[in-house]
Protein backbone atom coordinates (compact mmCIF):
# COMPACT_ATOMS: atom_id res chain seq x y z
CA MET A 1 114.02 144.62 113.86
CA ALA A 2 115.11 141.12 114.66
CA ALA A 3 118.16 140.01 116.55
CA GLU A 4 119.88 138.59 113.50
CA ALA A 5 119.48 141.88 111.62
CA HIS A 6 121.96 143.31 114.12
CA GLY A 7 124.25 140.33 113.91
CA GLN A 8 123.27 139.30 117.45
CA THR A 9 122.71 135.82 118.77
CA ALA A 10 119.46 135.06 120.58
CA SER A 11 121.12 135.37 123.99
CA GLU A 12 122.81 138.66 123.04
CA TYR A 13 119.47 140.00 121.82
CA ILE A 14 117.75 139.19 125.12
CA VAL A 15 120.63 140.50 127.25
CA HIS A 16 120.62 143.75 125.27
CA HIS A 17 116.89 144.27 125.79
CA LEU A 18 117.14 143.52 129.50
CA GLN A 19 119.75 146.25 130.00
CA ASN A 20 118.51 149.58 131.34
CA LEU A 21 119.70 153.00 130.27
CA GLN A 22 121.91 153.84 133.26
CA ASN A 23 124.01 156.76 134.44
CA VAL A 24 126.97 154.47 135.23
CA LYS A 25 127.75 150.84 134.56
CA GLN A 26 126.56 148.58 137.37
CA LYS A 27 129.44 146.82 139.13
CA PHE A 28 127.67 145.00 141.95
CA ILE A 29 124.35 143.22 142.44
CA VAL A 30 123.32 145.98 144.85
CA ASP A 31 124.76 149.29 143.66
CA PHE A 32 122.95 152.42 144.85
CA SER A 33 125.09 154.66 142.64
CA VAL A 34 123.30 153.27 139.57
CA VAL A 35 120.21 155.08 138.33
CA ASN A 36 117.97 153.40 135.75
CA ILE A 37 117.14 156.54 133.82
CA ASP A 38 114.64 154.92 131.45
CA SER A 39 112.53 153.45 134.28
CA ILE A 40 112.41 156.80 136.07
CA ILE A 41 111.51 158.90 133.04
CA ILE A 42 108.92 156.49 131.63
CA GLY A 43 107.46 155.97 135.11
CA ILE A 44 107.11 159.72 135.70
CA LEU A 45 105.54 160.30 132.29
CA LEU A 46 103.03 157.49 132.80
CA GLY A 47 102.30 158.70 136.34
CA ALA A 48 101.57 162.18 135.01
CA PHE A 49 99.38 160.67 132.30
CA ALA A 50 97.46 158.61 134.90
CA VAL A 51 96.78 161.74 136.99
CA PHE A 52 95.74 163.61 133.83
CA VAL A 53 93.28 160.88 132.83
CA LEU A 54 91.69 160.85 136.29
CA TRP A 55 91.58 164.64 136.32
CA MET A 56 89.85 164.68 132.93
CA ALA A 57 87.30 162.15 134.17
CA ALA A 58 86.55 164.30 137.25
CA ARG A 59 86.41 167.48 135.18
CA LYS A 60 83.98 166.07 132.61
CA ALA A 61 81.83 164.19 135.10
CA THR A 62 78.13 164.88 134.72
CA SER A 63 75.10 163.96 136.81
CA GLY A 64 73.24 162.99 133.66
CA VAL A 65 73.66 159.86 131.60
CA PRO A 66 77.40 159.16 131.68
CA GLY A 67 79.42 158.39 128.58
CA ARG A 68 81.53 155.27 128.22
CA PHE A 69 84.65 156.92 129.60
CA GLN A 70 82.89 158.35 132.64
CA ALA A 71 81.06 155.08 133.26
CA ALA A 72 84.33 153.10 133.13
CA VAL A 73 86.04 155.50 135.54
CA GLU A 74 83.04 155.46 137.89
CA ILE A 75 83.10 151.65 137.99
CA LEU A 76 86.84 151.75 138.73
CA VAL A 77 86.44 154.40 141.44
CA GLU A 78 83.59 152.46 143.08
CA MET A 79 85.62 149.26 143.03
CA VAL A 80 88.63 150.90 144.68
CA ASP A 81 86.45 152.75 147.19
CA ASN A 82 84.73 149.52 148.24
CA GLN A 83 88.08 147.83 148.77
CA ALA A 84 89.34 150.82 150.76
CA LYS A 85 86.24 150.73 153.00
CA ALA A 86 86.72 147.00 153.56
CA ASN A 87 90.31 147.43 154.72
CA ILE A 88 90.52 150.97 156.11
CA HIS A 89 87.84 151.61 158.73
CA ASN A 90 89.05 155.10 159.55
CA ALA A 91 87.00 157.48 157.38
CA GLU A 92 89.50 160.30 157.77
CA SER A 93 92.38 158.13 156.52
CA ARG A 94 90.32 156.92 153.55
CA LYS A 95 90.12 160.46 152.21
CA PHE A 96 93.81 160.13 151.31
CA ILE A 97 94.29 156.38 150.97
CA ALA A 98 91.38 155.69 148.57
CA PRO A 99 92.49 158.24 145.93
CA LEU A 100 96.07 157.06 146.43
CA ALA A 101 95.04 153.44 145.81
CA LEU A 102 93.15 154.48 142.66
CA THR A 103 96.18 156.37 141.36
CA VAL A 104 98.50 153.47 142.16
CA PHE A 105 96.24 151.02 140.32
CA VAL A 106 96.02 153.15 137.17
CA TRP A 107 99.73 154.03 137.29
CA ILE A 108 100.92 150.44 137.66
CA PHE A 109 98.46 149.29 134.99
CA LEU A 110 99.92 151.82 132.54
CA MET A 111 103.50 150.83 133.39
CA ASN A 112 102.59 147.17 132.95
CA ALA A 113 100.83 147.96 129.66
CA MET A 114 104.11 149.17 128.14
CA ASP A 115 104.85 145.47 127.74
CA MET A 116 102.13 145.36 125.06
CA LEU A 117 104.19 147.51 122.68
CA PRO A 118 106.32 145.72 120.06
CA VAL A 119 109.56 144.68 121.72
CA ASP A 120 111.83 146.60 119.36
CA LEU A 121 109.66 149.67 118.68
CA LEU A 122 110.82 152.20 121.28
CA PRO A 123 114.40 150.85 121.51
CA ALA A 124 114.71 151.22 117.72
CA LEU A 125 113.37 154.79 117.86
CA TRP A 126 115.77 155.58 120.69
CA GLN A 127 118.72 154.14 118.77
CA GLY A 128 117.73 156.20 115.74
CA ALA A 129 117.45 159.37 117.83
CA THR A 130 120.84 158.85 119.49
CA GLY A 131 122.61 157.43 116.44
CA ASP A 132 123.93 154.60 118.61
CA ARG A 133 122.84 151.16 117.44
CA HIS A 134 123.92 149.74 120.79
CA ALA A 135 121.96 152.24 122.92
CA PHE A 136 119.96 150.68 125.74
CA LEU A 137 116.32 151.38 126.52
CA ARG A 138 113.98 149.31 128.65
CA VAL A 139 110.39 150.44 128.39
CA VAL A 140 108.57 148.45 131.13
CA PRO A 141 109.31 150.19 134.47
CA THR A 142 107.66 147.43 136.51
CA ALA A 143 110.03 144.85 135.00
CA ASP A 144 112.77 146.78 136.83
CA LEU A 145 113.23 145.59 140.42
CA SER A 146 114.29 149.05 141.59
CA THR A 147 110.87 150.41 140.53
CA THR A 148 108.75 147.76 142.20
CA LEU A 149 110.78 147.71 145.40
CA GLY A 150 110.68 151.51 145.43
CA LEU A 151 106.88 151.42 145.29
CA ALA A 152 106.78 148.75 148.00
CA PHE A 153 109.13 150.82 150.18
CA ALA A 154 106.82 153.83 149.78
CA VAL A 155 103.95 151.68 151.09
CA LEU A 156 106.18 150.66 154.03
CA LEU A 157 106.80 154.30 154.91
CA LEU A 158 103.05 154.93 154.83
CA ARG A 159 102.56 151.97 157.17
CA PHE A 160 105.00 153.54 159.61
CA TRP A 161 103.29 156.91 159.32
CA TYR A 162 99.79 155.60 159.99
CA SER A 163 101.01 153.33 162.79
CA LEU A 164 102.39 156.42 164.54
CA LYS A 165 99.40 158.59 163.68
CA ILE A 166 96.69 156.14 164.75
CA LYS A 167 98.37 154.35 167.68
CA GLY A 168 100.79 157.00 168.85
CA ALA A 169 104.49 156.45 169.47
CA GLY A 170 103.87 154.65 172.75
CA GLY A 171 101.08 152.46 171.42
CA TRP A 172 103.05 151.40 168.36
CA ALA A 173 106.20 150.77 170.41
CA HIS A 174 104.18 148.59 172.79
CA GLU A 175 102.76 146.66 169.84
CA LEU A 176 106.24 146.06 168.41
CA VAL A 177 107.39 144.34 171.61
CA SER A 178 104.14 142.60 172.58
CA ALA A 179 102.89 141.05 169.29
CA PRO A 180 102.51 138.34 168.18
CA PHE A 181 103.46 136.30 171.29
CA GLY A 182 102.22 138.68 173.95
CA THR A 183 104.13 139.60 177.09
CA SER A 184 104.60 138.43 180.66
CA LYS A 185 104.42 139.86 184.14
CA ASN A 186 107.79 138.30 184.87
CA PRO A 187 110.47 140.90 183.99
CA VAL A 188 112.89 138.32 182.56
CA PHE A 189 110.26 136.61 180.43
CA ALA A 190 108.88 140.00 179.41
CA LEU A 191 112.34 141.06 178.18
CA ILE A 192 112.85 137.81 176.25
CA LEU A 193 109.38 137.97 174.69
CA GLY A 194 109.92 141.64 173.87
CA VAL A 195 113.11 140.91 171.92
CA VAL A 196 111.52 137.95 170.12
CA ASN A 197 108.40 139.94 169.29
CA LEU A 198 110.47 142.83 167.97
CA LEU A 199 112.51 140.49 165.76
CA MET A 200 109.31 138.91 164.43
CA GLN A 201 107.86 142.34 163.68
CA VAL A 202 111.01 143.37 161.80
CA ILE A 203 110.94 140.12 159.80
CA GLU A 204 107.27 140.66 159.00
CA TYR A 205 107.82 144.21 157.74
CA VAL A 206 110.83 143.18 155.64
CA ALA A 207 109.13 140.07 154.23
CA ASN A 208 105.94 141.95 153.37
CA THR A 209 107.84 144.73 151.63
CA VAL A 210 110.16 142.45 149.65
CA SER A 211 107.36 140.11 148.56
CA HIS A 212 105.18 143.12 147.68
CA GLY A 213 107.75 144.40 145.21
CA MET A 214 109.08 141.03 144.03
CA ARG A 215 105.64 139.69 143.08
CA LEU A 216 104.99 142.50 140.61
CA PHE A 217 108.56 142.45 139.30
CA GLY A 218 108.63 138.67 138.79
CA ASN A 219 105.41 138.55 136.79
CA MET A 220 106.30 141.48 134.55
CA TYR A 221 109.87 140.29 134.04
CA ALA A 222 108.62 136.85 132.97
CA GLY A 223 106.09 138.42 130.60
CA GLU A 224 108.79 140.60 129.08
CA LEU A 225 110.98 137.55 128.45
CA VAL A 226 108.14 135.71 126.72
CA PHE A 227 107.58 138.64 124.35
CA MET A 228 111.30 138.64 123.53
CA LEU A 229 111.26 134.93 122.79
CA ILE A 230 108.26 135.41 120.52
CA ALA A 231 110.07 138.28 118.76
CA LEU A 232 113.03 135.97 118.17
CA MET A 233 110.73 133.66 116.22
CA GLY A 234 110.35 136.44 113.67
CA GLY A 235 114.12 136.80 113.46
CA ALA A 236 114.50 133.08 112.90
CA ALA A 237 111.84 133.23 110.19
CA ALA A 238 113.77 135.95 108.37
CA LEU A 239 116.76 133.62 108.00
CA SER A 240 114.89 130.42 107.33
CA ILE A 241 113.71 129.82 103.79
CA SER A 242 112.07 126.54 104.73
CA GLY A 243 110.42 127.94 107.83
CA VAL A 244 107.35 129.14 105.97
CA LEU A 245 105.01 128.55 108.87
CA LEU A 246 107.30 130.20 111.44
CA PRO A 247 106.07 133.77 110.73
CA VAL A 248 102.51 132.51 111.08
CA GLY A 249 103.41 130.93 114.40
CA HIS A 250 105.07 134.20 115.39
CA VAL A 251 101.86 136.16 114.79
CA ILE A 252 99.62 133.58 116.44
CA ALA A 253 101.85 133.16 119.50
CA GLY A 254 102.25 136.93 119.88
CA THR A 255 98.50 137.52 119.61
CA ILE A 256 97.60 134.80 122.10
CA TRP A 257 100.19 135.93 124.63
CA THR A 258 99.17 139.57 124.23
CA LEU A 259 95.50 138.76 124.91
CA PHE A 260 96.47 136.68 127.94
CA HIS A 261 98.87 139.38 129.11
CA ILE A 262 96.04 141.92 129.27
CA LEU A 263 94.69 139.86 132.17
CA VAL A 264 98.15 139.61 133.74
CA ILE A 265 98.91 143.34 133.70
CA THR A 266 95.47 144.17 135.12
CA LEU A 267 95.63 141.49 137.79
CA GLN A 268 99.11 142.49 138.92
CA ALA A 269 98.08 146.15 139.25
CA PHE A 270 95.03 145.07 141.27
CA ILE A 271 97.07 142.75 143.53
CA PHE A 272 99.65 145.45 144.26
CA MET A 273 96.89 147.92 145.12
CA MET A 274 95.06 145.39 147.31
CA LEU A 275 98.20 144.47 149.24
CA ALA A 276 98.90 148.16 149.82
CA LEU A 277 95.36 148.59 151.23
CA ILE A 278 95.71 145.47 153.40
CA TYR A 279 99.06 146.59 154.82
CA LEU A 280 97.76 150.10 155.50
CA GLY A 281 94.67 148.57 157.11
CA GLN A 282 96.95 146.58 159.42
CA ALA A 283 98.65 149.82 160.41
CA HIS A 284 95.26 151.08 161.61
CA SER A 285 94.39 148.02 163.69
CA ALA A 286 96.01 146.51 166.76
CA HIS A 287 97.49 143.03 166.72
């Protein structure tokens, strides 16, 4: 279903596909009354599917010669466990963090992989189901900034939790006002350094969280745009009698980008998981 089949221009086609299914129309750049329903529903379904896949792997695990599925999951589990051990030295904490990191990796990979579906497939099915040819549906949750920042904010809350649990309220409070520039025996200098240190700590937490979510969002948003531009080549081919080679270019470009994008979606899921482990590891160690 190409843009021109709907009487849309190229820009209208892209704008339409970048619009989420929302409860109310967004009026401001930051509007907390807006809920992106499609991102939430698709994210929950994929999260449940990720847990189901891991549960099936654990349920069917055998001590004998493993099948391909079990072998793949075992390699993935070992990889995540090794990364967790390298960053989280507290064995008790790893009992929760390692499975969490594994779930996050698989979940984000599945959300990223929604970008591999034909651009117009699910939106067309949704429009057919609702009877509204202008109905919105965005199928890549990680191309939605609210999703990625939400995940990053959840990691931030875990950082706070483990900082309190491992260091205690007093130990963490002392760290907030003494790192990274240390303190002084002079009360005046100690107060000044404490304020500066606290401001630096706040900036660090905010910067880490924003960059954590923005990195995943930016890469998936760019990939989504490229797929839309490739899809527009097919629409142009439908209107162009002389553009005989354009459909061929459409298929070739789409195939090449899809193969490359497999690496992108995997790498972005791995990077998000690794940053989460690094940040949680920092919460366990003193500055």
